[in-house]
Amino acid sequence: MFEKLVKVICNYVEVNPEQITEESRFMEDLGFTSFDFMSMLGELEDELDVEIDQQKAADIRTVKEAVSYLEALKA
């Protein structure tokens, strides 16, 4: 899931995949805007065939939190 998320992240922000770690924060470290983040979530919903809760998504700060949430949705 981490590798898939990294690939999607790179579609939205100018960052090298090697620079993305589980501790990377979407806004502060990767340079996401709120719009980028919500757009990325929409793409992940389509790609993974899941429904992301907007309230829960608002609490996601790091790549690790996103991976954990997405894995829980897929389980």
N, C-alpha and C. Protein backbone atom coordinates (compact mmCIF):
# COMPACT_ATOMS: atom_id res chain seq x y z
N MET A 1 0.83 -1.21 0.00
CA MET A 1 0.00 0.00 0.00
C MET A 1 0.87 1.26 0.00
N PHE A 2 1.99 1.23 0.75
CA PHE A 2 2.87 2.40 0.82
C PHE A 2 3.37 2.78 -0.57
N GLU A 3 3.85 1.80 -1.34
CA GLU A 3 4.40 2.07 -2.66
C GLU A 3 3.34 2.65 -3.59
N LYS A 4 2.13 2.11 -3.50
CA LYS A 4 1.03 2.61 -4.33
C LYS A 4 0.71 4.06 -3.97
N LEU A 5 0.70 4.35 -2.68
CA LEU A 5 0.41 5.71 -2.22
C LEU A 5 1.50 6.68 -2.67
N VAL A 6 2.74 6.26 -2.59
CA VAL A 6 3.86 7.11 -3.03
C VAL A 6 3.69 7.47 -4.50
N LYS A 7 3.32 6.49 -5.30
CA LYS A 7 3.12 6.71 -6.73
C LYS A 7 2.03 7.76 -6.97
N VAL A 8 0.94 7.66 -6.23
CA VAL A 8 -0.17 8.61 -6.38
C VAL A 8 0.25 9.99 -5.89
N ILE A 9 0.97 10.05 -4.77
CA ILE A 9 1.45 11.33 -4.23
C ILE A 9 2.26 12.08 -5.28
N CYS A 10 3.10 11.35 -6.00
CA CYS A 10 3.97 11.98 -7.00
C CYS A 10 3.19 12.56 -8.18
N ASN A 11 1.93 12.17 -8.34
CA ASN A 11 1.08 12.77 -9.37
C ASN A 11 0.62 14.17 -8.97
N TYR A 12 0.70 14.49 -7.69
CA TYR A 12 0.13 15.74 -7.18
C TYR A 12 1.16 16.77 -6.74
N VAL A 13 2.32 16.34 -6.32
CA VAL A 13 3.33 17.29 -5.86
C VAL A 13 4.68 16.94 -6.48
N GLU A 14 5.52 17.97 -6.61
CA GLU A 14 6.86 17.80 -7.17
C GLU A 14 7.80 17.32 -6.08
N VAL A 15 7.88 16.00 -5.93
CA VAL A 15 8.76 15.43 -4.91
C VAL A 15 9.26 14.09 -5.43
N ASN A 16 10.52 13.77 -5.14
CA ASN A 16 11.08 12.49 -5.56
C ASN A 16 10.52 11.38 -4.68
N PRO A 17 10.15 10.25 -5.27
CA PRO A 17 9.60 9.13 -4.48
C PRO A 17 10.51 8.73 -3.32
N GLU A 18 11.83 8.82 -3.52
CA GLU A 18 12.77 8.43 -2.47
C GLU A 18 12.68 9.34 -1.25
N GLN A 19 12.16 10.55 -1.44
CA GLN A 19 12.07 11.50 -0.33
C GLN A 19 10.85 11.25 0.56
N ILE A 20 9.93 10.44 0.10
CA ILE A 20 8.70 10.21 0.84
C ILE A 20 8.89 9.06 1.83
N THR A 21 8.64 9.35 3.10
CA THR A 21 8.74 8.32 4.14
C THR A 21 7.38 8.19 4.80
N GLU A 22 7.24 7.20 5.66
CA GLU A 22 5.98 7.04 6.39
C GLU A 22 5.71 8.24 7.29
N GLU A 23 6.77 8.92 7.74
CA GLU A 23 6.62 10.06 8.64
C GLU A 23 6.35 11.37 7.89
N SER A 24 6.46 11.35 6.56
CA SER A 24 6.23 12.57 5.78
C SER A 24 4.82 13.09 6.02
N ARG A 25 4.74 14.40 6.28
CA ARG A 25 3.44 15.04 6.48
C ARG A 25 3.00 15.64 5.15
N PHE A 26 1.73 15.43 4.80
CA PHE A 26 1.25 15.87 3.49
C PHE A 26 1.43 17.37 3.27
N MET A 27 0.97 18.18 4.18
CA MET A 27 1.01 19.63 4.00
C MET A 27 2.43 20.19 4.22
N GLU A 28 2.99 19.91 5.39
CA GLU A 28 4.24 20.53 5.81
C GLU A 28 5.45 20.02 5.02
N ASP A 29 5.53 18.71 4.80
CA ASP A 29 6.73 18.14 4.18
C ASP A 29 6.61 17.96 2.67
N LEU A 30 5.43 17.61 2.21
CA LEU A 30 5.27 17.29 0.79
C LEU A 30 4.68 18.43 -0.02
N GLY A 31 4.18 19.46 0.66
CA GLY A 31 3.70 20.65 -0.03
C GLY A 31 2.30 20.54 -0.61
N PHE A 32 1.49 19.64 -0.06
CA PHE A 32 0.10 19.51 -0.51
C PHE A 32 -0.70 20.73 -0.10
N THR A 33 -1.66 21.11 -0.97
CA THR A 33 -2.68 22.06 -0.57
C THR A 33 -3.90 21.21 -0.20
N SER A 34 -4.89 21.82 0.41
CA SER A 34 -6.11 21.09 0.75
C SER A 34 -6.75 20.52 -0.50
N PHE A 35 -6.71 21.30 -1.58
CA PHE A 35 -7.31 20.84 -2.84
C PHE A 35 -6.55 19.62 -3.38
N ASP A 36 -5.20 19.69 -3.37
CA ASP A 36 -4.39 18.55 -3.83
C ASP A 36 -4.75 17.30 -3.04
N PHE A 37 -4.86 17.47 -1.73
CA PHE A 37 -5.11 16.33 -0.85
C PHE A 37 -6.46 15.69 -1.16
N MET A 38 -7.49 16.52 -1.29
CA MET A 38 -8.83 16.00 -1.57
C MET A 38 -8.89 15.36 -2.96
N SER A 39 -8.18 15.94 -3.92
CA SER A 39 -8.12 15.36 -5.27
C SER A 39 -7.45 14.00 -5.23
N MET A 40 -6.37 13.90 -4.46
CA MET A 40 -5.66 12.64 -4.33
C MET A 40 -6.57 11.58 -3.69
N LEU A 41 -7.34 11.98 -2.68
CA LEU A 41 -8.26 11.03 -2.04
C LEU A 41 -9.28 10.51 -3.03
N GLY A 42 -9.76 11.39 -3.89
CA GLY A 42 -10.71 10.98 -4.92
C GLY A 42 -10.10 9.95 -5.86
N GLU A 43 -8.86 10.17 -6.25
CA GLU A 43 -8.17 9.21 -7.12
C GLU A 43 -7.98 7.87 -6.40
N LEU A 44 -7.63 7.92 -5.12
CA LEU A 44 -7.44 6.69 -4.34
C LEU A 44 -8.75 5.92 -4.21
N GLU A 45 -9.85 6.64 -4.04
CA GLU A 45 -11.16 5.97 -3.96
C GLU A 45 -11.41 5.18 -5.23
N ASP A 46 -11.15 5.79 -6.38
CA ASP A 46 -11.37 5.13 -7.66
C ASP A 46 -10.42 3.95 -7.84
N GLU A 47 -9.15 4.19 -7.56
CA GLU A 47 -8.12 3.18 -7.79
C GLU A 47 -8.27 1.96 -6.87
N LEU A 48 -8.64 2.22 -5.61
CA LEU A 48 -8.71 1.13 -4.63
C LEU A 48 -10.13 0.60 -4.44
N ASP A 49 -11.10 1.28 -5.07
CA ASP A 49 -12.51 0.91 -4.94
C ASP A 49 -12.95 0.91 -3.48
N VAL A 50 -12.69 2.04 -2.82
CA VAL A 50 -13.10 2.24 -1.43
C VAL A 50 -13.82 3.58 -1.32
N GLU A 51 -14.50 3.78 -0.19
CA GLU A 51 -15.12 5.08 0.07
C GLU A 51 -14.45 5.69 1.28
N ILE A 52 -13.85 6.85 1.06
CA ILE A 52 -13.11 7.53 2.13
C ILE A 52 -14.03 8.50 2.85
N ASP A 53 -14.07 8.38 4.16
CA ASP A 53 -14.87 9.27 5.01
C ASP A 53 -14.15 10.62 5.10
N GLN A 54 -14.82 11.68 4.65
CA GLN A 54 -14.19 13.00 4.62
C GLN A 54 -13.77 13.49 6.00
N GLN A 55 -14.58 13.16 7.02
CA GLN A 55 -14.25 13.57 8.39
C GLN A 55 -12.96 12.90 8.87
N LYS A 56 -12.85 11.59 8.61
CA LYS A 56 -11.65 10.86 9.00
C LYS A 56 -10.45 11.32 8.19
N ALA A 57 -10.67 11.58 6.91
CA ALA A 57 -9.59 12.03 6.03
C ALA A 57 -9.00 13.36 6.51
N ALA A 58 -9.84 14.20 7.09
CA ALA A 58 -9.38 15.50 7.58
C ALA A 58 -8.37 15.36 8.72
N ASP A 59 -8.40 14.21 9.40
CA ASP A 59 -7.48 13.97 10.51
C ASP A 59 -6.16 13.34 10.07
N ILE A 60 -6.06 12.95 8.81
CA ILE A 60 -4.83 12.31 8.32
C ILE A 60 -3.77 13.35 8.07
N ARG A 61 -2.64 13.19 8.74
CA ARG A 61 -1.54 14.15 8.60
C ARG A 61 -0.32 13.54 7.89
N THR A 62 -0.04 12.26 8.17
CA THR A 62 1.18 11.64 7.63
C THR A 62 0.85 10.53 6.64
N VAL A 63 1.86 10.18 5.87
CA VAL A 63 1.73 9.08 4.91
C VAL A 63 1.38 7.79 5.65
N LYS A 64 2.00 7.57 6.80
CA LYS A 64 1.73 6.35 7.58
C LYS A 64 0.26 6.29 8.00
N GLU A 65 -0.30 7.41 8.44
CA GLU A 65 -1.71 7.45 8.84
C GLU A 65 -2.60 7.12 7.65
N ALA A 66 -2.24 7.64 6.47
CA ALA A 66 -3.02 7.38 5.27
C ALA A 66 -2.96 5.90 4.90
N VAL A 67 -1.76 5.32 4.97
CA VAL A 67 -1.60 3.89 4.66
C VAL A 67 -2.43 3.04 5.61
N SER A 68 -2.37 3.35 6.89
CA SER A 68 -3.13 2.58 7.89
C SER A 68 -4.63 2.68 7.62
N TYR A 69 -5.09 3.89 7.32
CA TYR A 69 -6.52 4.10 7.05
C TYR A 69 -6.96 3.33 5.80
N LEU A 70 -6.17 3.43 4.75
CA LEU A 70 -6.53 2.75 3.49
C LEU A 70 -6.50 1.23 3.65
N GLU A 71 -5.52 0.73 4.39
CA GLU A 71 -5.46 -0.72 4.62
C GLU A 71 -6.68 -1.19 5.42
N ALA A 72 -7.12 -0.38 6.38
CA ALA A 72 -8.31 -0.72 7.17
C ALA A 72 -9.55 -0.75 6.27
N LEU A 73 -9.63 0.18 5.32
CA LEU A 73 -10.78 0.21 4.40
C LEU A 73 -10.79 -1.02 3.50
N LYS A 74 -9.62 -1.46 3.11
CA LYS A 74 -9.52 -2.61 2.20
C LYS A 74 -9.76 -3.94 2.92
N ALA A 75 -9.58 -3.93 4.24
CA ALA A 75 -9.69 -5.20 5.02
C ALA A 75 -11.12 -5.70 5.09
